Amino acid sequence: MTTKTKLKISGMHCTSCAMNIDGELEDTDGVKQANTSYAKSVTEVEFDPDKLTLEKVVSTIKTAGYTALPLDE
């Protein structure tokens, strides 16, 4: 079972930033898929909640140099 969430991203300057976020997330144990949109400043993350918390996902993005906040849908 996986959890999907959308996060608002701050600090991106180009599409390479979005690719950097995706790479960092996909290298994190428990992340199944990450899709970041520079144009929308949003990342969609699918992860295994038994291996990873939302806080760890946000922390991974912060470590990469960006800010992430849960997006109200």
PDB file of N, CA and C in Angstrom:
ATOM      1  N   MET A   1       0.836  -1.187   0.000  1.00  0.00           N
ATOM      2  CA  MET A   1       0.000   0.000   0.000  1.00  0.00           C
ATOM      3  C   MET A   1       0.880   1.248   0.000  1.00  0.00           C
ATOM      4  N   THR A   2       0.494   2.226  -0.788  1.00  0.00           N
ATOM      5  CA  THR A   2       1.263   3.461  -0.850  1.00  0.00           C
ATOM      6  C   THR A   2       0.372   4.655  -0.554  1.00  0.00           C
ATOM      7  N   THR A   3       1.021   5.756  -0.232  1.00  0.00           N
ATOM      8  CA  THR A   3       0.347   7.024   0.011  1.00  0.00           C
ATOM      9  C   THR A   3       0.787   8.000  -1.063  1.00  0.00           C
ATOM     10  N   LYS A   4      -0.150   8.765  -1.589  1.00  0.00           N
ATOM     11  CA  LYS A   4       0.175   9.807  -2.556  1.00  0.00           C
ATOM     12  C   LYS A   4      -0.107  11.155  -1.915  1.00  0.00           C
ATOM     13  N   THR A   5       0.799  12.092  -2.121  1.00  0.00           N
ATOM     14  CA  THR A   5       0.597  13.429  -1.586  1.00  0.00           C
ATOM     15  C   THR A   5       1.147  14.461  -2.561  1.00  0.00           C
ATOM     16  N   LYS A   6       0.602  15.664  -2.485  1.00  0.00           N
ATOM     17  CA  LYS A   6       1.091  16.788  -3.276  1.00  0.00           C
ATOM     18  C   LYS A   6       1.671  17.818  -2.317  1.00  0.00           C
ATOM     19  N   LEU A   7       2.809  18.367  -2.718  1.00  0.00           N
ATOM     20  CA  LEU A   7       3.486  19.375  -1.908  1.00  0.00           C
ATOM     21  C   LEU A   7       3.771  20.607  -2.743  1.00  0.00           C
ATOM     22  N   LYS A   8       3.570  21.780  -2.149  1.00  0.00           N
ATOM     23  CA  LYS A   8       3.920  23.053  -2.788  1.00  0.00           C
ATOM     24  C   LYS A   8       5.410  23.271  -2.557  1.00  0.00           C
ATOM     25  N   ILE A   9       6.143  23.547  -3.627  1.00  0.00           N
ATOM     26  CA  ILE A   9       7.586  23.706  -3.550  1.00  0.00           C
ATOM     27  C   ILE A   9       7.968  25.170  -3.758  1.00  0.00           C
ATOM     28  N   SER A  10       8.843  25.666  -2.898  1.00  0.00           N
ATOM     29  CA  SER A  10       9.400  27.014  -3.051  1.00  0.00           C
ATOM     30  C   SER A  10      10.905  26.894  -3.248  1.00  0.00           C
ATOM     31  N   GLY A  11      11.451  27.820  -4.022  1.00  0.00           N
ATOM     32  CA  GLY A  11      12.898  27.868  -4.206  1.00  0.00           C
ATOM     33  C   GLY A  11      13.389  27.321  -5.533  1.00  0.00           C
ATOM     34  N   MET A  12      12.496  26.810  -6.372  1.00  0.00           N
ATOM     35  CA  MET A  12      12.922  26.322  -7.683  1.00  0.00           C
ATOM     36  C   MET A  12      13.126  27.505  -8.627  1.00  0.00           C
ATOM     37  N   HIS A  13      14.174  27.400  -9.450  1.00  0.00           N
ATOM     38  CA  HIS A  13      14.480  28.465 -10.404  1.00  0.00           C
ATOM     39  C   HIS A  13      14.389  28.016 -11.861  1.00  0.00           C
ATOM     40  N   CYS A  14      14.311  26.692 -12.069  1.00  0.00           N
ATOM     41  CA  CYS A  14      14.286  26.178 -13.445  1.00  0.00           C
ATOM     42  C   CYS A  14      13.849  24.709 -13.431  1.00  0.00           C
ATOM     43  N   THR A  15      13.736  24.127 -14.608  1.00  0.00           N
ATOM     44  CA  THR A  15      13.321  22.729 -14.693  1.00  0.00           C
ATOM     45  C   THR A  15      14.375  21.786 -14.113  1.00  0.00           C
ATOM     46  N   SER A  16      15.635  22.203 -14.112  1.00  0.00           N
ATOM     47  CA  SER A  16      16.676  21.373 -13.508  1.00  0.00           C
ATOM     48  C   SER A  16      16.447  21.223 -12.009  1.00  0.00           C
ATOM     49  N   CYS A  17      15.905  22.258 -11.385  1.00  0.00           N
ATOM     50  CA  CYS A  17      15.566  22.169  -9.955  1.00  0.00           C
ATOM     51  C   CYS A  17      14.526  21.074  -9.742  1.00  0.00           C
ATOM     52  N   ALA A  18      13.517  21.026 -10.594  1.00  0.00           N
ATOM     53  CA  ALA A  18      12.477  20.003 -10.485  1.00  0.00           C
ATOM     54  C   ALA A  18      13.083  18.613 -10.663  1.00  0.00           C
ATOM     55  N   MET A  19      13.988  18.466 -11.610  1.00  0.00           N
ATOM     56  CA  MET A  19      14.639  17.176 -11.834  1.00  0.00           C
ATOM     57  C   MET A  19      15.505  16.797 -10.632  1.00  0.00           C
ATOM     58  N   ASN A  20      16.136  17.792 -10.010  1.00  0.00           N
ATOM     59  CA  ASN A  20      16.951  17.541  -8.821  1.00  0.00           C
ATOM     60  C   ASN A  20      16.093  17.013  -7.678  1.00  0.00           C
ATOM     61  N   ILE A  21      14.925  17.621  -7.464  1.00  0.00           N
ATOM     62  CA  ILE A  21      14.004  17.170  -6.414  1.00  0.00           C
ATOM     63  C   ILE A  21      13.558  15.736  -6.689  1.00  0.00           C
ATOM     64  N   ASP A  22      13.154  15.465  -7.929  1.00  0.00           N
ATOM     65  CA  ASP A  22      12.730  14.109  -8.289  1.00  0.00           C
ATOM     66  C   ASP A  22      13.844  13.099  -8.012  1.00  0.00           C
ATOM     67  N   GLY A  23      15.062  13.442  -8.385  1.00  0.00           N
ATOM     68  CA  GLY A  23      16.185  12.532  -8.176  1.00  0.00           C
ATOM     69  C   GLY A  23      16.441  12.254  -6.707  1.00  0.00           C
ATOM     70  N   GLU A  24      16.417  13.307  -5.894  1.00  0.00           N
ATOM     71  CA  GLU A  24      16.633  13.141  -4.454  1.00  0.00           C
ATOM     72  C   GLU A  24      15.543  12.259  -3.842  1.00  0.00           C
ATOM     73  N   LEU A  25      14.297  12.515  -4.223  1.00  0.00           N
ATOM     74  CA  LEU A  25      13.198  11.726  -3.674  1.00  0.00           C
ATOM     75  C   LEU A  25      13.265  10.275  -4.119  1.00  0.00           C
ATOM     76  N   GLU A  26      13.529  10.055  -5.398  1.00  0.00           N
ATOM     77  CA  GLU A  26      13.553   8.688  -5.917  1.00  0.00           C
ATOM     78  C   GLU A  26      14.724   7.880  -5.369  1.00  0.00           C
ATOM     79  N   ASP A  27      15.758   8.560  -4.869  1.00  0.00           N
ATOM     80  CA  ASP A  27      16.879   7.877  -4.224  1.00  0.00           C
ATOM     81  C   ASP A  27      16.585   7.557  -2.758  1.00  0.00           C
ATOM     82  N   THR A  28      15.444   8.012  -2.249  1.00  0.00           N
ATOM     83  CA  THR A  28      15.067   7.808  -0.854  1.00  0.00           C
ATOM     84  C   THR A  28      14.301   6.493  -0.718  1.00  0.00           C
ATOM     85  N   ASP A  29      14.750   5.648   0.207  1.00  0.00           N
ATOM     86  CA  ASP A  29      14.091   4.362   0.428  1.00  0.00           C
ATOM     87  C   ASP A  29      12.634   4.579   0.827  1.00  0.00           C
ATOM     88  N   GLY A  30      11.732   3.944   0.115  1.00  0.00           N
ATOM     89  CA  GLY A  30      10.305   4.057   0.398  1.00  0.00           C
ATOM     90  C   GLY A  30       9.553   4.887  -0.615  1.00  0.00           C
ATOM     91  N   VAL A  31      10.261   5.722  -1.378  1.00  0.00           N
ATOM     92  CA  VAL A  31       9.593   6.527  -2.408  1.00  0.00           C
ATOM     93  C   VAL A  31       9.424   5.663  -3.649  1.00  0.00           C
ATOM     94  N   LYS A  32       8.186   5.536  -4.095  1.00  0.00           N
ATOM     95  CA  LYS A  32       7.887   4.747  -5.290  1.00  0.00           C
ATOM     96  C   LYS A  32       8.019   5.604  -6.549  1.00  0.00           C
ATOM     97  N   GLN A  33       7.548   6.857  -6.457  1.00  0.00           N
ATOM     98  CA  GLN A  33       7.550   7.735  -7.622  1.00  0.00           C
ATOM     99  C   GLN A  33       7.500   9.183  -7.165  1.00  0.00           C
ATOM    100  N   ALA A  34       8.181  10.058  -7.904  1.00  0.00           N
ATOM    101  CA  ALA A  34       8.133  11.500  -7.649  1.00  0.00           C
ATOM    102  C   ALA A  34       7.998  12.206  -8.985  1.00  0.00           C
ATOM    103  N   ASN A  35       7.136  13.211  -9.022  1.00  0.00           N
ATOM    104  CA  ASN A  35       6.927  13.978 -10.247  1.00  0.00           C
ATOM    105  C   ASN A  35       6.777  15.447  -9.853  1.00  0.00           C
ATOM    106  N   THR A  36       7.809  16.233 -10.142  1.00  0.00           N
ATOM    107  CA  THR A  36       7.822  17.640  -9.776  1.00  0.00           C
ATOM    108  C   THR A  36       7.608  18.504 -10.999  1.00  0.00           C
ATOM    109  N   SER A  37       6.716  19.482 -10.873  1.00  0.00           N
ATOM    110  CA  SER A  37       6.439  20.428 -11.963  1.00  0.00           C
ATOM    111  C   SER A  37       6.991  21.797 -11.592  1.00  0.00           C
ATOM    112  N   TYR A  38       7.978  22.248 -12.370  1.00  0.00           N
ATOM    113  CA  TYR A  38       8.522  23.591 -12.153  1.00  0.00           C
ATOM    114  C   TYR A  38       7.449  24.639 -12.426  1.00  0.00           C
ATOM    115  N   ALA A  39       6.671  24.450 -13.485  1.00  0.00           N
ATOM    116  CA  ALA A  39       5.651  25.431 -13.881  1.00  0.00           C
ATOM    117  C   ALA A  39       4.577  25.610 -12.810  1.00  0.00           C
ATOM    118  N   LYS A  40       4.225  24.515 -12.129  1.00  0.00           N
ATOM    119  CA  LYS A  40       3.172  24.574 -11.112  1.00  0.00           C
ATOM    120  C   LYS A  40       3.725  24.714  -9.686  1.00  0.00           C
ATOM    121  N   SER A  41       5.046  24.560  -9.537  1.00  0.00           N
ATOM    122  CA  SER A  41       5.702  24.582  -8.216  1.00  0.00           C
ATOM    123  C   SER A  41       5.098  23.545  -7.274  1.00  0.00           C
ATOM    124  N   VAL A  42       4.853  22.356  -7.834  1.00  0.00           N
ATOM    125  CA  VAL A  42       4.229  21.274  -7.071  1.00  0.00           C
ATOM    126  C   VAL A  42       4.987  19.975  -7.340  1.00  0.00           C
ATOM    127  N   THR A  43       5.105  19.170  -6.304  1.00  0.00           N
ATOM    128  CA  THR A  43       5.609  17.814  -6.487  1.00  0.00           C
ATOM    129  C   THR A  43       4.558  16.828  -6.010  1.00  0.00           C
ATOM    130  N   GLU A  44       4.398  15.762  -6.760  1.00  0.00           N
ATOM    131  CA  GLU A  44       3.511  14.668  -6.375  1.00  0.00           C
ATOM    132  C   GLU A  44       4.418  13.498  -6.018  1.00  0.00           C
ATOM    133  N   VAL A  45       4.226  12.975  -4.808  1.00  0.00           N
ATOM    134  CA  VAL A  45       5.076  11.898  -4.319  1.00  0.00           C
ATOM    135  C   VAL A  45       4.208  10.710  -3.919  1.00  0.00           C
ATOM    136  N   GLU A  46       4.613   9.541  -4.378  1.00  0.00           N
ATOM    137  CA  GLU A  46       3.975   8.294  -3.955  1.00  0.00           C
ATOM    138  C   GLU A  46       5.008   7.532  -3.134  1.00  0.00           C
ATOM    139  N   PHE A  47       4.642   7.190  -1.890  1.00  0.00           N
ATOM    140  CA  PHE A  47       5.604   6.531  -1.015  1.00  0.00           C
ATOM    141  C   PHE A  47       4.938   5.485  -0.139  1.00  0.00           C
ATOM    142  N   ASP A  48       5.773   4.624   0.413  1.00  0.00           N
ATOM    143  CA  ASP A  48       5.326   3.555   1.303  1.00  0.00           C
ATOM    144  C   ASP A  48       5.339   4.091   2.740  1.00  0.00           C
ATOM    145  N   PRO A  49       4.170   4.271   3.356  1.00  0.00           N
ATOM    146  CA  PRO A  49       4.132   4.849   4.706  1.00  0.00           C
ATOM    147  C   PRO A  49       4.713   3.932   5.781  1.00  0.00           C
ATOM    148  N   ASP A  50       4.945   2.662   5.453  1.00  0.00           N
ATOM    149  CA  ASP A  50       5.594   1.764   6.401  1.00  0.00           C
ATOM    150  C   ASP A  50       7.105   1.992   6.451  1.00  0.00           C
ATOM    151  N   LYS A  51       7.649   2.607   5.408  1.00  0.00           N
ATOM    152  CA  LYS A  51       9.090   2.849   5.335  1.00  0.00           C
ATOM    153  C   LYS A  51       9.453   4.320   5.508  1.00  0.00           C
ATOM    154  N   LEU A  52       8.481   5.213   5.298  1.00  0.00           N
ATOM    155  CA  LEU A  52       8.796   6.637   5.183  1.00  0.00           C
ATOM    156  C   LEU A  52       7.625   7.471   5.679  1.00  0.00           C
ATOM    157  N   THR A  53       7.919   8.570   6.355  1.00  0.00           N
ATOM    158  CA  THR A  53       6.875   9.500   6.797  1.00  0.00           C
ATOM    159  C   THR A  53       6.839  10.707   5.887  1.00  0.00           C
ATOM    160  N   LEU A  54       5.740  11.425   5.922  1.00  0.00           N
ATOM    161  CA  LEU A  54       5.636  12.666   5.157  1.00  0.00           C
ATOM    162  C   LEU A  54       6.702  13.648   5.622  1.00  0.00           C
ATOM    163  N   GLU A  55       6.982  13.665   6.913  1.00  0.00           N
ATOM    164  CA  GLU A  55       8.007  14.568   7.450  1.00  0.00           C
ATOM    165  C   GLU A  55       9.372  14.279   6.832  1.00  0.00           C
ATOM    166  N   LYS A  56       9.683  13.007   6.611  1.00  0.00           N
ATOM    167  CA  LYS A  56      10.956  12.636   5.990  1.00  0.00           C
ATOM    168  C   LYS A  56      10.983  13.076   4.525  1.00  0.00           C
ATOM    169  N   VAL A  57       9.851  12.976   3.831  1.00  0.00           N
ATOM    170  CA  VAL A  57       9.771  13.450   2.447  1.00  0.00           C
ATOM    171  C   VAL A  57      10.077  14.950   2.406  1.00  0.00           C
ATOM    172  N   VAL A  58       9.433  15.712   3.296  1.00  0.00           N
ATOM    173  CA  VAL A  58       9.648  17.166   3.356  1.00  0.00           C
ATOM    174  C   VAL A  58      11.106  17.456   3.716  1.00  0.00           C
ATOM    175  N   SER A  59      11.664  16.703   4.645  1.00  0.00           N
ATOM    176  CA  SER A  59      13.056  16.886   5.059  1.00  0.00           C
ATOM    177  C   SER A  59      14.023  16.618   3.908  1.00  0.00           C
ATOM    178  N   THR A  60      13.737  15.603   3.107  1.00  0.00           N
ATOM    179  CA  THR A  60      14.578  15.282   1.955  1.00  0.00           C
ATOM    180  C   THR A  60      14.590  16.440   0.967  1.00  0.00           C
ATOM    181  N   ILE A  61      13.430  17.040   0.730  1.00  0.00           N
ATOM    182  CA  ILE A  61      13.337  18.178  -0.182  1.00  0.00           C
ATOM    183  C   ILE A  61      14.090  19.370   0.404  1.00  0.00           C
ATOM    184  N   LYS A  62      13.980  19.580   1.710  1.00  0.00           N
ATOM    185  CA  LYS A  62      14.686  20.687   2.372  1.00  0.00           C
ATOM    186  C   LYS A  62      16.196  20.502   2.261  1.00  0.00           C
ATOM    187  N   THR A  63      16.660  19.267   2.451  1.00  0.00           N
ATOM    188  CA  THR A  63      18.085  18.971   2.338  1.00  0.00           C
ATOM    189  C   THR A  63      18.594  19.272   0.927  1.00  0.00           C
ATOM    190  N   ALA A  64      17.724  19.096  -0.066  1.00  0.00           N
ATOM    191  CA  ALA A  64      18.093  19.385  -1.457  1.00  0.00           C
ATOM    192  C   ALA A  64      18.120  20.890  -1.738  1.00  0.00           C
ATOM    193  N   GLY A  65      17.639  21.707  -0.780  1.00  0.00           N
ATOM    194  CA  GLY A  65      17.731  23.155  -0.933  1.00  0.00           C
ATOM    195  C   GLY A  65      16.426  23.856  -1.248  1.00  0.00           C
ATOM    196  N   TYR A  66      15.311  23.165  -1.038  1.00  0.00           N
ATOM    197  CA  TYR A  66      13.998  23.734  -1.366  1.00  0.00           C
ATOM    198  C   TYR A  66      13.071  23.636  -0.157  1.00  0.00           C
ATOM    199  N   THR A  67      11.956  24.326  -0.219  1.00  0.00           N
ATOM    200  CA  THR A  67      10.960  24.289   0.840  1.00  0.00           C
ATOM    201  C   THR A  67       9.726  23.565   0.315  1.00  0.00           C
ATOM    202  N   ALA A  68       9.145  22.700   1.147  1.00  0.00           N
ATOM    203  CA  ALA A  68       7.950  21.951   0.746  1.00  0.00           C
ATOM    204  C   ALA A  68       6.892  22.062   1.837  1.00  0.00           C
ATOM    205  N   LEU A  69       5.681  22.331   1.420  1.00  0.00           N
ATOM    206  CA  LEU A  69       4.536  22.389   2.332  1.00  0.00           C
ATOM    207  C   LEU A  69       3.402  21.565   1.742  1.00  0.00           C
ATOM    208  N   PRO A  70       2.644  20.852   2.598  1.00  0.00           N
ATOM    209  CA  PRO A  70       1.484  20.099   2.079  1.00  0.00           C
ATOM    210  C   PRO A  70       0.531  21.030   1.333  1.00  0.00           C
ATOM    211  N   LEU A  71       0.007  20.530   0.240  1.00  0.00           N
ATOM    212  CA  LEU A  71      -0.892  21.300  -0.619  1.00  0.00           C
ATOM    213  C   LEU A  71      -2.317  20.893  -0.329  1.00  0.00           C
ATOM    214  N   ASP A  72      -3.140  21.849   0.078  1.00  0.00           N
ATOM    215  CA  ASP A  72      -4.553  21.563   0.305  1.00  0.00           C
ATOM    216  C   ASP A  72      -5.222  21.307  -1.033  1.00  0.00           C
ATOM    217  N   GLU A  73      -5.919  20.196  -1.119  1.00  0.00           N
ATOM    218  CA  GLU A  73      -6.548  19.854  -2.404  1.00  0.00           C
ATOM    219  C   GLU A  73      -7.991  20.259  -2.437  1.00  0.00           C
TER     220      GLU A  73
END
